[in-house]
Amino acid sequence: MTSYVIRRLLLSVLLLLAASLMAFLILKAAPGDYFTQLRADPRIPQEYVEEQRRIYGLDKPL
């Protein structure tokens, strides 16, 4: 019984890692980000959008 529980725990950890990796890759592959959508709004200054991208590190590669 103990080996069954240990095996299930290890498999669940692997499953969580795989699900996290897939979610990360899907979000990275999606075009644009939140600040790209803000650029379409003429009321928001472009300087603000660029500053926010810089603050959150979205201007740097992964």
C-alpha atoms as a PDB file:
ATOM      1  CA  MET A   1       0.000   0.000   0.000  1.00  0.00           C
ATOM      2  CA  THR A   2       2.846   2.374   0.804  1.00  0.00           C
ATOM      3  CA  SER A   3       4.463   1.875  -2.584  1.00  0.00           C
ATOM      4  CA  TYR A   4       1.136   2.628  -4.265  1.00  0.00           C
ATOM      5  CA  VAL A   5       0.784   5.926  -2.382  1.00  0.00           C
ATOM      6  CA  ILE A   6       4.373   6.930  -3.146  1.00  0.00           C
ATOM      7  CA  ARG A   7       3.944   6.091  -6.821  1.00  0.00           C
ATOM      8  CA  ARG A   8       0.721   8.108  -7.018  1.00  0.00           C
ATOM      9  CA  LEU A   9       2.359  11.088  -5.301  1.00  0.00           C
ATOM     10  CA  LEU A  10       5.292  11.025  -7.715  1.00  0.00           C
ATOM     11  CA  LEU A  11       2.966  10.772 -10.690  1.00  0.00           C
ATOM     12  CA  SER A  12       0.873  13.679  -9.427  1.00  0.00           C
ATOM     13  CA  VAL A  13       4.001  15.841  -9.055  1.00  0.00           C
ATOM     14  CA  LEU A  14       5.020  14.984 -12.615  1.00  0.00           C
ATOM     15  CA  LEU A  15       1.521  15.774 -13.833  1.00  0.00           C
ATOM     16  CA  LEU A  16       1.569  19.181 -12.117  1.00  0.00           C
ATOM     17  CA  LEU A  17       4.958  19.988 -13.638  1.00  0.00           C
ATOM     18  CA  ALA A  18       3.786  18.952 -17.099  1.00  0.00           C
ATOM     19  CA  ALA A  19       0.580  20.992 -16.789  1.00  0.00           C
ATOM     20  CA  SER A  20       2.528  24.054 -15.616  1.00  0.00           C
ATOM     21  CA  LEU A  21       4.980  23.725 -18.490  1.00  0.00           C
ATOM     22  CA  MET A  22       2.181  23.393 -21.034  1.00  0.00           C
ATOM     23  CA  ALA A  23       0.350  26.442 -19.656  1.00  0.00           C
ATOM     24  CA  PHE A  24       3.561  28.487 -19.744  1.00  0.00           C
ATOM     25  CA  LEU A  25       4.366  27.458 -23.316  1.00  0.00           C
ATOM     26  CA  ILE A  26       0.840  28.175 -24.536  1.00  0.00           C
ATOM     27  CA  LEU A  27       0.883  31.653 -22.972  1.00  0.00           C
ATOM     28  CA  LYS A  28       4.326  32.413 -24.422  1.00  0.00           C
ATOM     29  CA  ALA A  29       3.218  31.253 -27.871  1.00  0.00           C
ATOM     30  CA  ALA A  30       0.117  33.459 -27.827  1.00  0.00           C
ATOM     31  CA  PRO A  31       0.526  36.646 -29.855  1.00  0.00           C
ATOM     32  CA  GLY A  32       0.853  39.916 -27.974  1.00  0.00           C
ATOM     33  CA  ASP A  33       0.348  40.731 -24.338  1.00  0.00           C
ATOM     34  CA  TYR A  34      -1.833  43.012 -22.237  1.00  0.00           C
ATOM     35  CA  PHE A  35       0.168  46.110 -23.098  1.00  0.00           C
ATOM     36  CA  THR A  36      -0.037  45.391 -26.808  1.00  0.00           C
ATOM     37  CA  GLN A  37      -3.805  45.610 -26.447  1.00  0.00           C
ATOM     38  CA  LEU A  38      -3.449  48.940 -24.642  1.00  0.00           C
ATOM     39  CA  ARG A  39      -1.673  50.424 -27.665  1.00  0.00           C
ATOM     40  CA  ALA A  40      -4.910  50.197 -29.627  1.00  0.00           C
ATOM     41  CA  ASP A  41      -6.610  52.597 -27.205  1.00  0.00           C
ATOM     42  CA  PRO A  42      -5.913  56.167 -28.399  1.00  0.00           C
ATOM     43  CA  ARG A  43      -6.611  57.603 -24.929  1.00  0.00           C
ATOM     44  CA  ILE A  44      -3.570  55.885 -23.399  1.00  0.00           C
ATOM     45  CA  PRO A  45      -0.225  57.561 -24.149  1.00  0.00           C
ATOM     46  CA  GLN A  46       2.385  55.368 -25.838  1.00  0.00           C
ATOM     47  CA  GLU A  47       4.974  56.473 -23.269  1.00  0.00           C
ATOM     48  CA  TYR A  48       2.836  54.968 -20.506  1.00  0.00           C
ATOM     49  CA  VAL A  49       2.522  51.662 -22.351  1.00  0.00           C
ATOM     50  CA  GLU A  50       6.272  51.465 -22.980  1.00  0.00           C
ATOM     51  CA  GLU A  51       7.049  52.379 -19.365  1.00  0.00           C
ATOM     52  CA  GLN A  52       4.738  49.657 -18.065  1.00  0.00           C
ATOM     53  CA  ARG A  53       6.305  47.093 -20.398  1.00  0.00           C
ATOM     54  CA  ARG A  54       9.722  48.094 -19.049  1.00  0.00           C
ATOM     55  CA  ILE A  55       8.581  47.976 -15.400  1.00  0.00           C
ATOM     56  CA  TYR A  56       7.152  44.471 -15.778  1.00  0.00           C
ATOM     57  CA  GLY A  57      10.103  43.255 -17.825  1.00  0.00           C
ATOM     58  CA  LEU A  58       8.071  42.500 -20.930  1.00  0.00           C
ATOM     59  CA  ASP A  59      10.590  44.297 -23.117  1.00  0.00           C
ATOM     60  CA  LYS A  60      13.226  41.646 -22.392  1.00  0.00           C
ATOM     61  CA  PRO A  61      13.434  38.202 -23.963  1.00  0.00           C
ATOM     62  CA  LEU A  62      12.713  35.147 -21.881  1.00  0.00           C
END
